[in-house]
Amino acid sequence: MDEARAREVLDGAGFAGEAELLALGENAVFALGDLVVKVGRSAPGLIERAGREVLIAEWLAEAGVPAVRAVESKPRVVAGHPVTVWRRLGAAVRPATAADLASLVRLVHELPAPPAESFELPRRELLGGVNRWLRLAGEAIDPADAAFLRERRAGFAEAVRTLVPHLPKGPIHGDALPRNVLVTAQGPVLVDLETFSSDFREHDLVVMALSRDRYGLDPAAYDSFVEVYGWDVREWEGCAVLRGARETASCAWVAQHAPSNPKALAEFERRVGSLRDGDASVRWYPF
């Protein structure tokens, strides 16, 4: 979905006037006055996911977890695209740190499951989007690379099923990175709730370990994350498996942007090449 298509959907959802594009990735995110509107892709399951994200926001509000709040109780749907409406948070007073993230992750990990009569959190299907993202990449990527990632996906999916967690299973954010925290005048706030799941708590910790090793996160920042959270996931024997699964998913995610963005293609080729070579030292860049 490109910006032009996202704006068509935005208009179809009844949002007139100037809208500022804040982000364009899995969703297109627009600011309109004191609102933020997320336009999702038209794909199976995404309307349901958007509806669950709204329910998650309500649940977190009731639990007292600082997180973005929805304005409407269910998504609007335009030509198969889910459109959700959120309160716009105040301006960031400073960049979010690893320690800010760790404090919020701890709060999430202390939560019990949501009431069964309200909604049920899904498992963290980390590898669930790989085939879809590779289909969207189409002929823009080498078919051999797509086949390599599909085979890698299958292998890690099987390996994940055999893992024994160190921490009790339960609610997780699912994409716990500082970019998904906004530090307002009232303190750090979680944003982007669509990957909330009930699964290994280790998922939220491996993300930061991978950020340290692949994306150039300052080791001191990682240490502050560990200190605030209270445990280093790298001590767990399953860490390498979850890391490998996430690397596979992250590589395929970039591929979907390759048809329209040469920089995405270059980043995809960097990532898949390092996976083929088994070179964990190759730096990846956020996209």
C-alpha atoms as a PDB file:
ATOM      1  CA  MET A   1       0.000   0.000   0.000  1.00  0.00           C
ATOM      2  CA  ASP A   2       1.490   3.329  -1.050  1.00  0.00           C
ATOM      3  CA  GLU A   3       0.672   6.780   0.310  1.00  0.00           C
ATOM      4  CA  ALA A   4      -1.742   7.614  -2.505  1.00  0.00           C
ATOM      5  CA  ARG A   5      -3.838   4.501  -1.848  1.00  0.00           C
ATOM      6  CA  ALA A   6      -3.768   5.132   1.902  1.00  0.00           C
ATOM      7  CA  ARG A   7      -5.080   8.669   1.371  1.00  0.00           C
ATOM      8  CA  GLU A   8      -7.900   7.314  -0.807  1.00  0.00           C
ATOM      9  CA  VAL A   9      -8.906   5.004   2.033  1.00  0.00           C
ATOM     10  CA  LEU A  10      -8.607   7.854   4.529  1.00  0.00           C
ATOM     11  CA  ASP A  11     -10.983   9.956   2.428  1.00  0.00           C
ATOM     12  CA  GLY A  12     -13.354   7.009   2.079  1.00  0.00           C
ATOM     13  CA  ALA A  13     -13.438   6.656   5.867  1.00  0.00           C
ATOM     14  CA  GLY A  14     -14.772  10.200   6.141  1.00  0.00           C
ATOM     15  CA  PHE A  15     -11.644  12.083   7.152  1.00  0.00           C
ATOM     16  CA  ALA A  16     -11.549  15.287   5.196  1.00  0.00           C
ATOM     17  CA  GLY A  17      -8.900  17.989   5.393  1.00  0.00           C
ATOM     18  CA  GLU A  18      -5.128  18.042   5.519  1.00  0.00           C
ATOM     19  CA  ALA A  19      -3.634  14.886   6.991  1.00  0.00           C
ATOM     20  CA  GLU A  20       0.039  14.635   7.903  1.00  0.00           C
ATOM     21  CA  LEU A  21       1.650  11.295   7.096  1.00  0.00           C
ATOM     22  CA  LEU A  22       3.545  10.170  10.191  1.00  0.00           C
ATOM     23  CA  ALA A  23       4.604   6.689   9.094  1.00  0.00           C
ATOM     24  CA  LEU A  24       4.216   4.316   6.165  1.00  0.00           C
ATOM     25  CA  GLY A  25       4.999   0.678   6.859  1.00  0.00           C
ATOM     26  CA  GLU A  26       2.666  -2.157   7.779  1.00  0.00           C
ATOM     27  CA  ASN A  27       0.124   0.657   8.272  1.00  0.00           C
ATOM     28  CA  ALA A  28      -0.166   4.215   7.029  1.00  0.00           C
ATOM     29  CA  VAL A  29      -0.413   6.513  10.045  1.00  0.00           C
ATOM     30  CA  PHE A  30      -1.835  10.022   9.686  1.00  0.00           C
ATOM     31  CA  ALA A  31      -2.260  12.941  12.082  1.00  0.00           C
ATOM     32  CA  LEU A  32      -5.407  15.052  11.845  1.00  0.00           C
ATOM     33  CA  GLY A  33      -5.637  17.682  14.554  1.00  0.00           C
ATOM     34  CA  ASP A  34      -5.859  15.910  17.909  1.00  0.00           C
ATOM     35  CA  LEU A  35      -6.421  12.504  16.261  1.00  0.00           C
ATOM     36  CA  VAL A  36      -4.169   9.832  14.792  1.00  0.00           C
ATOM     37  CA  VAL A  37      -5.696   7.577  12.135  1.00  0.00           C
ATOM     38  CA  LYS A  38      -4.173   4.237  11.141  1.00  0.00           C
ATOM     39  CA  VAL A  39      -4.978   2.804   7.725  1.00  0.00           C
ATOM     40  CA  GLY A  40      -4.225  -0.900   7.490  1.00  0.00           C
ATOM     41  CA  ARG A  41      -3.579  -3.050   4.470  1.00  0.00           C
ATOM     42  CA  SER A  42      -6.363  -4.998   2.773  1.00  0.00           C
ATOM     43  CA  ALA A  43      -5.441  -8.559   3.678  1.00  0.00           C
ATOM     44  CA  PRO A  44      -7.101 -11.535   5.390  1.00  0.00           C
ATOM     45  CA  GLY A  45      -7.233 -11.218   9.165  1.00  0.00           C
ATOM     46  CA  LEU A  46      -6.165  -7.578   9.392  1.00  0.00           C
ATOM     47  CA  ILE A  47      -9.648  -6.226  10.122  1.00  0.00           C
ATOM     48  CA  GLU A  48      -9.925  -8.653  13.018  1.00  0.00           C
ATOM     49  CA  ARG A  49      -6.462  -7.663  14.223  1.00  0.00           C
ATOM     50  CA  ALA A  50      -7.334  -3.971  14.107  1.00  0.00           C
ATOM     51  CA  GLY A  51     -10.480  -4.592  16.139  1.00  0.00           C
ATOM     52  CA  ARG A  52      -8.492  -6.522  18.720  1.00  0.00           C
ATOM     53  CA  GLU A  53      -5.957  -3.685  18.954  1.00  0.00           C
ATOM     54  CA  VAL A  54      -8.765  -1.336  20.015  1.00  0.00           C
ATOM     55  CA  LEU A  55      -9.901  -3.818  22.677  1.00  0.00           C
ATOM     56  CA  ILE A  56      -6.311  -4.157  23.896  1.00  0.00           C
ATOM     57  CA  ALA A  57      -6.094  -0.379  24.325  1.00  0.00           C
ATOM     58  CA  GLU A  58      -9.263  -0.430  26.466  1.00  0.00           C
ATOM     59  CA  TRP A  59      -7.908  -3.330  28.545  1.00  0.00           C
ATOM     60  CA  LEU A  60      -4.582  -1.568  29.161  1.00  0.00           C
ATOM     61  CA  ALA A  61      -6.416   1.583  30.207  1.00  0.00           C
ATOM     62  CA  GLU A  62      -8.401  -0.395  32.772  1.00  0.00           C
ATOM     63  CA  ALA A  63      -5.175  -2.018  34.013  1.00  0.00           C
ATOM     64  CA  GLY A  64      -3.449   1.348  34.389  1.00  0.00           C
ATOM     65  CA  VAL A  65      -0.725   0.656  31.823  1.00  0.00           C
ATOM     66  CA  PRO A  66       0.381   3.854  30.050  1.00  0.00           C
ATOM     67  CA  ALA A  67      -0.545   3.235  26.410  1.00  0.00           C
ATOM     68  CA  VAL A  68      -2.161   4.931  23.453  1.00  0.00           C
ATOM     69  CA  ARG A  69      -5.954   5.176  23.727  1.00  0.00           C
ATOM     70  CA  ALA A  70      -8.529   4.505  21.012  1.00  0.00           C
ATOM     71  CA  VAL A  71     -11.242   7.048  20.228  1.00  0.00           C
ATOM     72  CA  GLU A  72     -13.661   4.659  18.498  1.00  0.00           C
ATOM     73  CA  SER A  73     -14.663   1.222  19.762  1.00  0.00           C
ATOM     74  CA  LYS A  74     -14.198  -0.614  16.460  1.00  0.00           C
ATOM     75  CA  PRO A  75     -12.488  -0.101  13.098  1.00  0.00           C
ATOM     76  CA  ARG A  76     -14.081   1.566  10.135  1.00  0.00           C
ATOM     77  CA  VAL A  77     -13.684  -0.583   7.025  1.00  0.00           C
ATOM     78  CA  VAL A  78     -13.121   0.881   3.552  1.00  0.00           C
ATOM     79  CA  ALA A  79     -12.696  -1.510   0.605  1.00  0.00           C
ATOM     80  CA  GLY A  80     -11.275  -4.145   2.923  1.00  0.00           C
ATOM     81  CA  HIS A  81      -8.898  -1.763   4.717  1.00  0.00           C
ATOM     82  CA  PRO A  82      -9.285  -1.367   8.501  1.00  0.00           C
ATOM     83  CA  VAL A  83      -9.183   2.238   9.712  1.00  0.00           C
ATOM     84  CA  THR A  84      -8.745   2.901  13.427  1.00  0.00           C
ATOM     85  CA  VAL A  85      -8.860   6.232  15.267  1.00  0.00           C
ATOM     86  CA  TRP A  86      -6.667   7.146  18.240  1.00  0.00           C
ATOM     87  CA  ARG A  87      -6.028  10.036  20.582  1.00  0.00           C
ATOM     88  CA  ARG A  88      -2.982  11.978  19.529  1.00  0.00           C
ATOM     89  CA  LEU A  89      -0.416  11.993  22.308  1.00  0.00           C
ATOM     90  CA  GLY A  90       1.431  15.104  23.373  1.00  0.00           C
ATOM     91  CA  ALA A  91       4.767  15.948  21.846  1.00  0.00           C
ATOM     92  CA  ALA A  92       7.711  13.839  22.897  1.00  0.00           C
ATOM     93  CA  VAL A  93       9.822  15.581  25.522  1.00  0.00           C
ATOM     94  CA  ARG A  94      12.844  13.418  24.687  1.00  0.00           C
ATOM     95  CA  PRO A  95      13.665  10.212  22.786  1.00  0.00           C
ATOM     96  CA  ALA A  96      12.591   6.971  24.448  1.00  0.00           C
ATOM     97  CA  THR A  97      15.399   4.973  26.036  1.00  0.00           C
ATOM     98  CA  ALA A  98      15.903   1.261  26.525  1.00  0.00           C
ATOM     99  CA  ALA A  99      15.235   1.780  30.235  1.00  0.00           C
ATOM    100  CA  ASP A 100      11.889   3.488  29.457  1.00  0.00           C
ATOM    101  CA  LEU A 101      10.932   0.477  27.379  1.00  0.00           C
ATOM    102  CA  ALA A 102      11.996  -1.983  30.074  1.00  0.00           C
ATOM    103  CA  SER A 103       9.787  -0.288  32.673  1.00  0.00           C
ATOM    104  CA  LEU A 104       6.733  -0.628  30.405  1.00  0.00           C
ATOM    105  CA  VAL A 105       7.571  -4.206  29.410  1.00  0.00           C
ATOM    106  CA  ARG A 106       7.724  -5.137  33.086  1.00  0.00           C
ATOM    107  CA  LEU A 107       4.226  -3.701  33.598  1.00  0.00           C
ATOM    108  CA  VAL A 108       2.889  -5.697  30.651  1.00  0.00           C
ATOM    109  CA  HIS A 109       4.561  -8.886  31.836  1.00  0.00           C
ATOM    110  CA  GLU A 110       2.926  -8.503  35.257  1.00  0.00           C
ATOM    111  CA  LEU A 111      -0.555  -8.518  33.718  1.00  0.00           C
ATOM    112  CA  PRO A 112      -2.829 -11.544  33.847  1.00  0.00           C
ATOM    113  CA  ALA A 113      -4.633 -12.593  30.676  1.00  0.00           C
ATOM    114  CA  PRO A 114      -7.588 -10.352  29.727  1.00  0.00           C
ATOM    115  CA  PRO A 115     -11.042 -11.561  30.785  1.00  0.00           C
ATOM    116  CA  ALA A 116     -12.144 -14.432  28.546  1.00  0.00           C
ATOM    117  CA  GLU A 117     -15.543 -12.836  27.974  1.00  0.00           C
ATOM    118  CA  SER A 118     -13.854  -9.692  26.629  1.00  0.00           C
ATOM    119  CA  PHE A 119     -11.326 -11.021  24.106  1.00  0.00           C
ATOM    120  CA  GLU A 120      -8.483 -13.493  23.797  1.00  0.00           C
ATOM    121  CA  LEU A 121      -4.922 -12.614  22.949  1.00  0.00           C
ATOM    122  CA  PRO A 122      -3.477 -14.692  20.095  1.00  0.00           C
ATOM    123  CA  ARG A 123      -0.125 -16.426  20.095  1.00  0.00           C
ATOM    124  CA  ARG A 124       2.796 -14.387  18.790  1.00  0.00           C
ATOM    125  CA  GLU A 125       2.913 -15.593  15.210  1.00  0.00           C
ATOM    126  CA  LEU A 126       6.316 -14.111  14.582  1.00  0.00           C
ATOM    127  CA  LEU A 127       6.736 -15.975  11.298  1.00  0.00           C
ATOM    128  CA  GLY A 128       3.110 -15.727  10.227  1.00  0.00           C
ATOM    129  CA  GLY A 129       3.624 -12.875   7.764  1.00  0.00           C
ATOM    130  CA  VAL A 130       6.687 -14.241   5.981  1.00  0.00           C
ATOM    131  CA  ASN A 131       4.892 -15.876   3.047  1.00  0.00           C
ATOM    132  CA  ARG A 132       2.614 -12.852   2.546  1.00  0.00           C
ATOM    133  CA  TRP A 133       5.536 -10.412   2.571  1.00  0.00           C
ATOM    134  CA  LEU A 134       7.456 -12.526   0.073  1.00  0.00           C
ATOM    135  CA  ARG A 135       4.393 -12.694  -2.209  1.00  0.00           C
ATOM    136  CA  LEU A 136       4.145  -8.905  -2.072  1.00  0.00           C
ATOM    137  CA  ALA A 137       7.828  -8.663  -3.011  1.00  0.00           C
ATOM    138  CA  GLY A 138       7.104 -10.655  -6.184  1.00  0.00           C
ATOM    139  CA  GLU A 139       9.689 -10.459  -8.926  1.00  0.00           C
ATOM    140  CA  ALA A 140      11.537  -7.573  -7.255  1.00  0.00           C
ATOM    141  CA  ILE A 141      13.616 -10.077  -5.279  1.00  0.00           C
ATOM    142  CA  ASP A 142      15.621 -13.087  -6.404  1.00  0.00           C
ATOM    143  CA  PRO A 143      13.379 -16.213  -6.343  1.00  0.00           C
ATOM    144  CA  ALA A 144      16.261 -18.115  -4.749  1.00  0.00           C
ATOM    145  CA  ASP A 145      16.259 -15.661  -1.854  1.00  0.00           C
ATOM    146  CA  ALA A 146      12.516 -16.090  -1.397  1.00  0.00           C
ATOM    147  CA  ALA A 147      12.911 -19.880  -1.404  1.00  0.00           C
ATOM    148  CA  PHE A 148      15.753 -19.622   1.120  1.00  0.00           C
ATOM    149  CA  LEU A 149      13.618 -17.570   3.507  1.00  0.00           C
ATOM    150  CA  ARG A 150      10.633 -19.892   3.154  1.00  0.00           C
ATOM    151  CA  GLU A 151      12.832 -22.864   4.019  1.00  0.00           C
ATOM    152  CA  ARG A 152      14.364 -20.960   6.919  1.00  0.00           C
ATOM    153  CA  ARG A 153      10.889 -20.008   8.126  1.00  0.00           C
ATOM    154  CA  ALA A 154       9.799 -23.643   8.174  1.00  0.00           C
ATOM    155  CA  GLY A 155      12.874 -24.686  10.130  1.00  0.00           C
ATOM    156  CA  PHE A 156      12.513 -22.032  12.802  1.00  0.00           C
ATOM    157  CA  ALA A 157       8.764 -22.591  13.103  1.00  0.00           C
ATOM    158  CA  GLU A 158       9.494 -26.195  14.028  1.00  0.00           C
ATOM    159  CA  ALA A 159      12.309 -25.210  16.406  1.00  0.00           C
ATOM    160  CA  VAL A 160      10.122 -22.674  18.233  1.00  0.00           C
ATOM    161  CA  ARG A 161       7.545 -25.368  18.951  1.00  0.00           C
ATOM    162  CA  THR A 162      10.110 -27.305  20.993  1.00  0.00           C
ATOM    163  CA  LEU A 163      11.280 -24.403  23.180  1.00  0.00           C
ATOM    164  CA  VAL A 164      10.906 -24.486  26.957  1.00  0.00           C
ATOM    165  CA  PRO A 165      10.498 -20.922  28.307  1.00  0.00           C
ATOM    166  CA  HIS A 166      12.367 -19.574  31.314  1.00  0.00           C
ATOM    167  CA  LEU A 167       9.603 -17.087  32.188  1.00  0.00           C
ATOM    168  CA  PRO A 168       5.885 -17.833  32.662  1.00  0.00           C
ATOM    169  CA  LYS A 169       3.870 -17.364  29.472  1.00  0.00           C
ATOM    170  CA  GLY A 170       1.413 -14.470  29.321  1.00  0.00           C
ATOM    171  CA  PRO A 171       0.696 -11.064  27.750  1.00  0.00           C
ATOM    172  CA  ILE A 172       3.502  -9.490  25.717  1.00  0.00           C
ATOM    173  CA  HIS A 173       3.820  -6.429  23.518  1.00  0.00           C
ATOM    174  CA  GLY A 174       5.282  -8.488  20.687  1.00  0.00           C
ATOM    175  CA  ASP A 175       7.426  -5.750  19.143  1.00  0.00           C
ATOM    176  CA  ALA A 176       9.077  -4.231  22.203  1.00  0.00           C
ATOM    177  CA  LEU A 177      11.398  -1.559  20.845  1.00  0.00           C
ATOM    178  CA  PRO A 178      12.064   2.036  21.959  1.00  0.00           C
ATOM    179  CA  ARG A 179      10.455   3.244  18.716  1.00  0.00           C
ATOM    180  CA  ASN A 180       7.160   1.929  20.111  1.00  0.00           C
ATOM    181  CA  VAL A 181       7.424   4.159  23.176  1.00  0.00           C
ATOM    182  CA  LEU A 182       6.655   7.884  23.256  1.00  0.00           C
ATOM    183  CA  VAL A 183       7.916   9.865  26.224  1.00  0.00           C
ATOM    184  CA  THR A 184       5.356  12.593  26.944  1.00  0.00           C
ATOM    185  CA  ALA A 185       5.314  15.155  29.742  1.00  0.00           C
ATOM    186  CA  GLN A 186       3.428  12.526  31.779  1.00  0.00           C
ATOM    187  CA  GLY A 187       6.041   9.820  31.155  1.00  0.00           C
ATOM    188  CA  PRO A 188       6.678   6.896  28.765  1.00  0.00           C
ATOM    189  CA  VAL A 189       3.663   5.555  26.850  1.00  0.00           C
ATOM    190  CA  LEU A 190       3.369   2.359  24.786  1.00  0.00           C
ATOM    191  CA  VAL A 191       2.203   2.762  21.206  1.00  0.00           C
ATOM    192  CA  ASP A 192       1.545   0.330  18.329  1.00  0.00           C
ATOM    193  CA  LEU A 193      -0.426  -2.386  20.111  1.00  0.00           C
ATOM    194  CA  GLU A 194      -1.290  -4.614  17.152  1.00  0.00           C
ATOM    195  CA  THR A 195       1.306  -7.275  17.964  1.00  0.00           C
ATOM    196  CA  PHE A 196       0.089  -7.779  21.557  1.00  0.00           C
ATOM    197  CA  SER A 197      -0.052 -11.522  22.182  1.00  0.00           C
ATOM    198  CA  SER A 198      -0.021 -14.180  24.856  1.00  0.00           C
ATOM    199  CA  ASP A 199       3.137 -16.213  24.461  1.00  0.00           C
ATOM    200  CA  PHE A 200       6.732 -16.498  25.651  1.00  0.00           C
ATOM    201  CA  ARG A 201       7.664 -13.350  27.581  1.00  0.00           C
ATOM    202  CA  GLU A 202      11.109 -13.912  26.082  1.00  0.00           C
ATOM    203  CA  HIS A 203       9.819 -12.568  22.733  1.00  0.00           C
ATOM    204  CA  ASP A 204       9.857  -9.034  24.173  1.00  0.00           C
ATOM    205  CA  LEU A 205      13.413  -9.452  25.436  1.00  0.00           C
ATOM    206  CA  VAL A 206      14.995 -11.087  22.391  1.00  0.00           C
ATOM    207  CA  VAL A 207      13.993  -8.022  20.349  1.00  0.00           C
ATOM    208  CA  MET A 208      16.379  -5.873  22.331  1.00  0.00           C
ATOM    209  CA  ALA A 209      19.157  -8.457  22.299  1.00  0.00           C
ATOM    210  CA  LEU A 210      18.883  -8.516  18.509  1.00  0.00           C
ATOM    211  CA  SER A 211      18.907  -4.713  18.425  1.00  0.00           C
ATOM    212  CA  ARG A 212      22.204  -4.788  20.294  1.00  0.00           C
ATOM    213  CA  ASP A 213      23.780  -7.329  17.972  1.00  0.00           C
ATOM    214  CA  ARG A 214      22.321  -6.381  14.573  1.00  0.00           C
ATOM    215  CA  TYR A 215      21.063  -2.798  14.667  1.00  0.00           C
ATOM    216  CA  GLY A 216      23.822  -1.030  16.559  1.00  0.00           C
ATOM    217  CA  LEU A 217      22.097  -0.482  19.902  1.00  0.00           C
ATOM    218  CA  ASP A 218      24.671   0.819  22.368  1.00  0.00           C
ATOM    219  CA  PRO A 219      25.675  -2.074  24.662  1.00  0.00           C
ATOM    220  CA  ALA A 220      25.310   0.306  27.621  1.00  0.00           C
ATOM    221  CA  ALA A 221      21.694   0.952  26.604  1.00  0.00           C
ATOM    222  CA  TYR A 222      21.092  -2.778  26.422  1.00  0.00           C
ATOM    223  CA  ASP A 223      22.612  -3.168  29.879  1.00  0.00           C
ATOM    224  CA  SER A 224      20.203  -0.526  31.210  1.00  0.00           C
ATOM    225  CA  PHE A 225      17.305  -2.477  29.711  1.00  0.00           C
ATOM    226  CA  VAL A 226      18.472  -5.643  31.461  1.00  0.00           C
ATOM    227  CA  GLU A 227      18.980  -3.800  34.760  1.00  0.00           C
ATOM    228  CA  VAL A 228      15.472  -2.316  34.774  1.00  0.00           C
ATOM    229  CA  TYR A 229      13.780  -5.493  33.577  1.00  0.00           C
ATOM    230  CA  GLY A 230      15.778  -7.712  35.913  1.00  0.00           C
ATOM    231  CA  TRP A 231      17.005 -10.526  33.629  1.00  0.00           C
ATOM    232  CA  ASP A 232      19.152 -10.977  30.521  1.00  0.00           C
ATOM    233  CA  VAL A 233      17.435 -13.205  27.961  1.00  0.00           C
ATOM    234  CA  ARG A 234      20.824 -14.123  26.483  1.00  0.00           C
ATOM    235  CA  GLU A 235      21.252 -16.441  29.477  1.00  0.00           C
ATOM    236  CA  TRP A 236      18.374 -18.579  28.144  1.00  0.00           C
ATOM    237  CA  GLU A 237      19.271 -21.476  25.871  1.00  0.00           C
ATOM    238  CA  GLY A 238      16.314 -20.727  23.584  1.00  0.00           C
ATOM    239  CA  CYS A 239      17.485 -17.195  22.801  1.00  0.00           C
ATOM    240  CA  ALA A 240      19.233 -18.158  19.551  1.00  0.00           C
ATOM    241  CA  VAL A 241      16.075 -19.826  18.224  1.00  0.00           C
ATOM    242  CA  LEU A 242      13.810 -16.829  18.842  1.00  0.00           C
ATOM    243  CA  ARG A 243      16.507 -14.540  17.492  1.00  0.00           C
ATOM    244  CA  GLY A 244      16.788 -16.583  14.291  1.00  0.00           C
ATOM    245  CA  ALA A 245      13.029 -16.584  13.839  1.00  0.00           C
ATOM    246  CA  ARG A 246      12.866 -12.825  14.273  1.00  0.00           C
ATOM    247  CA  GLU A 247      15.746 -12.256  11.844  1.00  0.00           C
ATOM    248  CA  THR A 248      13.874 -14.337   9.260  1.00  0.00           C
ATOM    249  CA  ALA A 249      10.684 -12.346   9.752  1.00  0.00           C
ATOM    250  CA  SER A 250      12.490  -8.996   9.709  1.00  0.00           C
ATOM    251  CA  CYS A 251      14.236  -9.871   6.462  1.00  0.00           C
ATOM    252  CA  ALA A 252      10.977 -10.885   4.765  1.00  0.00           C
ATOM    253  CA  TRP A 253       9.190  -7.789   6.096  1.00  0.00           C
ATOM    254  CA  VAL A 254      11.619  -5.502   4.262  1.00  0.00           C
ATOM    255  CA  ALA A 255      11.139  -7.523   1.056  1.00  0.00           C
ATOM    256  CA  GLN A 256       7.519  -6.384   0.671  1.00  0.00           C
ATOM    257  CA  HIS A 257       8.727  -2.798   0.087  1.00  0.00           C
ATOM    258  CA  ALA A 258      11.287  -3.774  -2.560  1.00  0.00           C
ATOM    259  CA  PRO A 259       9.024  -3.358  -5.625  1.00  0.00           C
ATOM    260  CA  SER A 260       8.632   0.384  -5.040  1.00  0.00           C
ATOM    261  CA  ASN A 261      11.700   1.333  -3.015  1.00  0.00           C
ATOM    262  CA  PRO A 262      15.303   0.719  -4.125  1.00  0.00           C
ATOM    263  CA  LYS A 263      16.567   1.362  -0.575  1.00  0.00           C
ATOM    264  CA  ALA A 264      14.338  -1.431   0.703  1.00  0.00           C
ATOM    265  CA  LEU A 265      15.713  -3.781  -1.938  1.00  0.00           C
ATOM    266  CA  ALA A 266      19.287  -2.906  -0.944  1.00  0.00           C
ATOM    267  CA  GLU A 267      18.513  -3.501   2.745  1.00  0.00           C
ATOM    268  CA  PHE A 268      16.768  -6.783   1.936  1.00  0.00           C
ATOM    269  CA  GLU A 269      19.788  -7.986  -0.031  1.00  0.00           C
ATOM    270  CA  ARG A 270      22.111  -6.994   2.831  1.00  0.00           C
ATOM    271  CA  ARG A 271      19.998  -8.933   5.321  1.00  0.00           C
ATOM    272  CA  VAL A 272      19.410 -12.061   3.281  1.00  0.00           C
ATOM    273  CA  GLY A 273      23.066 -12.178   2.277  1.00  0.00           C
ATOM    274  CA  SER A 274      24.189 -12.116   5.899  1.00  0.00           C
ATOM    275  CA  LEU A 275      21.720 -14.891   6.756  1.00  0.00           C
ATOM    276  CA  ARG A 276      22.950 -17.023   3.854  1.00  0.00           C
ATOM    277  CA  ASP A 277      26.558 -16.508   4.973  1.00  0.00           C
ATOM    278  CA  GLY A 278      25.751 -17.084   8.636  1.00  0.00           C
ATOM    279  CA  ASP A 279      27.485 -13.776   9.390  1.00  0.00           C
ATOM    280  CA  ALA A 280      25.974 -12.369  12.592  1.00  0.00           C
ATOM    281  CA  SER A 281      28.346  -9.377  12.511  1.00  0.00           C
ATOM    282  CA  VAL A 282      26.726  -7.705   9.475  1.00  0.00           C
ATOM    283  CA  ARG A 283      24.970  -4.507  10.574  1.00  0.00           C
ATOM    284  CA  TRP A 284      21.297  -4.176   9.649  1.00  0.00           C
ATOM    285  CA  TYR A 285      19.561  -0.818   9.377  1.00  0.00           C
ATOM    286  CA  PRO A 286      16.028  -0.015  10.564  1.00  0.00           C
ATOM    287  CA  PHE A 287      13.579   0.467   7.727  1.00  0.00           C
END
